Amino acid sequence: MSVARLLLNGRAAKAYGVASMMLVLWLGGFFDKQAKLVKIYPTQGVVETVYPKAYLIRLNDGRKARVTREIEVTKGTAVELKVSLYADNSEKAVLVGKVKKTGKP
């Protein structure tokens, strides 16, 4: 029996098809178990480190968050973020923009 016949007989083809479908779904994130969104709240922070595709931001409460570079800012810039809090106590921060400076001296 040749390898081609072994791979393409009825039972083997079905097994390979199901296995490849499960692999594609797993790699695509279909089986990710993300908890329910509890709340979204705004916060501010300062850019601490600039990476090629992300920023490390020190939040006002002392925590740190890594966010993707959606806007161009430099190290030391004050920025606004939106933080999503989930039921499993995980959080995800998204960069909104720079903090607007007031005209006060």
C-alpha atoms as a PDB file:
ATOM      1  CA  MET A   1       0.000   0.000   0.000  1.00  0.00           C
ATOM      2  CA  SER A   2       1.460   3.354  -0.990  1.00  0.00           C
ATOM      3  CA  VAL A   3       1.727   6.355   1.315  1.00  0.00           C
ATOM      4  CA  ALA A   4      -0.744   8.326  -0.824  1.00  0.00           C
ATOM      5  CA  ARG A   5      -3.414   5.643  -0.438  1.00  0.00           C
ATOM      6  CA  LEU A   6      -2.772   5.393   3.267  1.00  0.00           C
ATOM      7  CA  LEU A   7      -3.191   9.158   3.718  1.00  0.00           C
ATOM      8  CA  LEU A   8      -6.244   9.460   1.503  1.00  0.00           C
ATOM      9  CA  ASN A   9      -8.399   6.483   2.495  1.00  0.00           C
ATOM     10  CA  GLY A  10     -11.782   7.383   4.009  1.00  0.00           C
ATOM     11  CA  ARG A  11     -11.101   7.093   7.740  1.00  0.00           C
ATOM     12  CA  ALA A  12      -7.642   8.649   7.657  1.00  0.00           C
ATOM     13  CA  ALA A  13      -8.821  11.597   5.544  1.00  0.00           C
ATOM     14  CA  LYS A  14     -11.607  12.333   8.028  1.00  0.00           C
ATOM     15  CA  ALA A  15      -9.210  12.132  10.961  1.00  0.00           C
ATOM     16  CA  TYR A  16      -6.690  14.421   9.270  1.00  0.00           C
ATOM     17  CA  GLY A  17      -9.445  16.865   8.367  1.00  0.00           C
ATOM     18  CA  VAL A  18     -10.794  17.051  11.907  1.00  0.00           C
ATOM     19  CA  ALA A  19      -7.296  17.384  13.386  1.00  0.00           C
ATOM     20  CA  SER A  20      -6.349  20.182  10.985  1.00  0.00           C
ATOM     21  CA  MET A  21      -9.646  21.998  11.630  1.00  0.00           C
ATOM     22  CA  MET A  22      -9.071  21.853  15.403  1.00  0.00           C
ATOM     23  CA  LEU A  23      -5.521  23.129  14.938  1.00  0.00           C
ATOM     24  CA  VAL A  24      -6.713  26.077  12.832  1.00  0.00           C
ATOM     25  CA  LEU A  25      -9.408  26.966  15.387  1.00  0.00           C
ATOM     26  CA  TRP A  26      -6.924  26.750  18.262  1.00  0.00           C
ATOM     27  CA  LEU A  27      -4.316  28.879  16.482  1.00  0.00           C
ATOM     28  CA  GLY A  28      -6.977  31.390  15.493  1.00  0.00           C
ATOM     29  CA  GLY A  29      -7.965  31.960  19.106  1.00  0.00           C
ATOM     30  CA  PHE A  30     -11.379  30.317  18.915  1.00  0.00           C
ATOM     31  CA  PHE A  31     -10.853  28.494  22.191  1.00  0.00           C
ATOM     32  CA  ASP A  32      -9.610  31.501  24.145  1.00  0.00           C
ATOM     33  CA  LYS A  33     -11.561  31.854  27.350  1.00  0.00           C
ATOM     34  CA  GLN A  34     -11.764  35.560  27.964  1.00  0.00           C
ATOM     35  CA  ALA A  35     -13.883  36.574  30.908  1.00  0.00           C
ATOM     36  CA  LYS A  36     -16.813  38.992  30.798  1.00  0.00           C
ATOM     37  CA  LEU A  37     -16.056  42.698  30.661  1.00  0.00           C
ATOM     38  CA  VAL A  38     -16.810  44.300  34.039  1.00  0.00           C
ATOM     39  CA  LYS A  39     -15.949  47.941  33.383  1.00  0.00           C
ATOM     40  CA  ILE A  40     -13.841  50.328  31.347  1.00  0.00           C
ATOM     41  CA  TYR A  41     -12.153  53.221  33.112  1.00  0.00           C
ATOM     42  CA  PRO A  42      -9.832  56.010  31.996  1.00  0.00           C
ATOM     43  CA  THR A  43      -6.420  56.574  33.543  1.00  0.00           C
ATOM     44  CA  GLN A  44      -3.218  58.445  32.836  1.00  0.00           C
ATOM     45  CA  GLY A  45       0.434  57.513  32.804  1.00  0.00           C
ATOM     46  CA  VAL A  46       3.895  58.428  31.543  1.00  0.00           C
ATOM     47  CA  VAL A  47       5.781  56.645  28.761  1.00  0.00           C
ATOM     48  CA  GLU A  48       8.704  54.947  30.473  1.00  0.00           C
ATOM     49  CA  THR A  49      10.237  52.897  27.626  1.00  0.00           C
ATOM     50  CA  VAL A  50       9.778  53.004  23.858  1.00  0.00           C
ATOM     51  CA  TYR A  51      10.007  49.685  21.987  1.00  0.00           C
ATOM     52  CA  PRO A  52       9.775  49.170  18.206  1.00  0.00           C
ATOM     53  CA  LYS A  53       6.101  48.111  18.383  1.00  0.00           C
ATOM     54  CA  ALA A  54       5.024  49.006  21.934  1.00  0.00           C
ATOM     55  CA  TYR A  55       5.350  51.378  24.873  1.00  0.00           C
ATOM     56  CA  LEU A  56       5.882  50.587  28.541  1.00  0.00           C
ATOM     57  CA  ILE A  57       3.778  53.063  30.499  1.00  0.00           C
ATOM     58  CA  ARG A  58       3.953  53.767  34.243  1.00  0.00           C
ATOM     59  CA  LEU A  59       0.412  54.481  35.405  1.00  0.00           C
ATOM     60  CA  ASN A  60      -0.406  57.103  38.031  1.00  0.00           C
ATOM     61  CA  ASP A  61      -1.099  54.396  40.630  1.00  0.00           C
ATOM     62  CA  GLY A  62       2.392  52.892  40.174  1.00  0.00           C
ATOM     63  CA  ARG A  63       1.466  49.916  38.007  1.00  0.00           C
ATOM     64  CA  LYS A  64       2.972  49.397  34.555  1.00  0.00           C
ATOM     65  CA  ALA A  65       1.218  48.593  31.300  1.00  0.00           C
ATOM     66  CA  ARG A  66       2.563  47.580  27.917  1.00  0.00           C
ATOM     67  CA  VAL A  67       0.508  48.927  25.013  1.00  0.00           C
ATOM     68  CA  THR A  68       0.923  48.810  21.251  1.00  0.00           C
ATOM     69  CA  ARG A  69       2.260  51.855  19.409  1.00  0.00           C
ATOM     70  CA  GLU A  70      -0.838  53.333  17.827  1.00  0.00           C
ATOM     71  CA  ILE A  71       0.352  56.934  18.045  1.00  0.00           C
ATOM     72  CA  GLU A  72       3.876  58.307  18.086  1.00  0.00           C
ATOM     73  CA  VAL A  73       5.029  59.698  21.436  1.00  0.00           C
ATOM     74  CA  THR A  74       8.430  60.050  23.050  1.00  0.00           C
ATOM     75  CA  LYS A  75       9.782  58.873  26.374  1.00  0.00           C
ATOM     76  CA  GLY A  76       8.459  60.965  29.265  1.00  0.00           C
ATOM     77  CA  THR A  77       5.234  61.995  27.520  1.00  0.00           C
ATOM     78  CA  ALA A  78       2.056  61.956  29.624  1.00  0.00           C
ATOM     79  CA  VAL A  79      -0.650  59.859  27.942  1.00  0.00           C
ATOM     80  CA  GLU A  80      -4.280  58.866  28.479  1.00  0.00           C
ATOM     81  CA  LEU A  81      -5.346  55.228  28.499  1.00  0.00           C
ATOM     82  CA  LYS A  82      -8.562  53.244  28.665  1.00  0.00           C
ATOM     83  CA  VAL A  83      -8.303  50.151  30.839  1.00  0.00           C
ATOM     84  CA  SER A  84     -10.763  47.274  30.435  1.00  0.00           C
ATOM     85  CA  LEU A  85     -11.302  45.218  33.598  1.00  0.00           C
ATOM     86  CA  TYR A  86     -12.582  41.649  33.172  1.00  0.00           C
ATOM     87  CA  ALA A  87     -14.335  39.303  35.619  1.00  0.00           C
ATOM     88  CA  ASP A  88     -11.183  37.200  36.081  1.00  0.00           C
ATOM     89  CA  ASN A  89      -9.365  40.378  37.293  1.00  0.00           C
ATOM     90  CA  SER A  90      -7.310  40.644  34.115  1.00  0.00           C
ATOM     91  CA  GLU A  91      -6.917  44.069  32.548  1.00  0.00           C
ATOM     92  CA  LYS A  92      -6.144  45.326  29.070  1.00  0.00           C
ATOM     93  CA  ALA A  93      -4.940  48.879  28.451  1.00  0.00           C
ATOM     94  CA  VAL A  94      -5.352  50.811  25.202  1.00  0.00           C
ATOM     95  CA  LEU A  95      -3.572  54.068  24.428  1.00  0.00           C
ATOM     96  CA  VAL A  96      -6.042  56.893  23.725  1.00  0.00           C
ATOM     97  CA  GLY A  97      -3.796  59.935  23.243  1.00  0.00           C
ATOM     98  CA  LYS A  98      -1.561  62.521  24.795  1.00  0.00           C
ATOM     99  CA  VAL A  99      -2.612  64.474  27.876  1.00  0.00           C
ATOM    100  CA  LYS A 100      -3.511  68.011  26.912  1.00  0.00           C
ATOM    101  CA  LYS A 101      -1.516  70.588  28.798  1.00  0.00           C
ATOM    102  CA  THR A 102      -3.366  73.473  30.357  1.00  0.00           C
ATOM    103  CA  GLY A 103      -2.294  77.075  29.732  1.00  0.00           C
ATOM    104  CA  LYS A 104      -1.531  77.705  33.403  1.00  0.00           C
ATOM    105  CA  PRO A 105       2.014  78.898  34.146  1.00  0.00           C
END
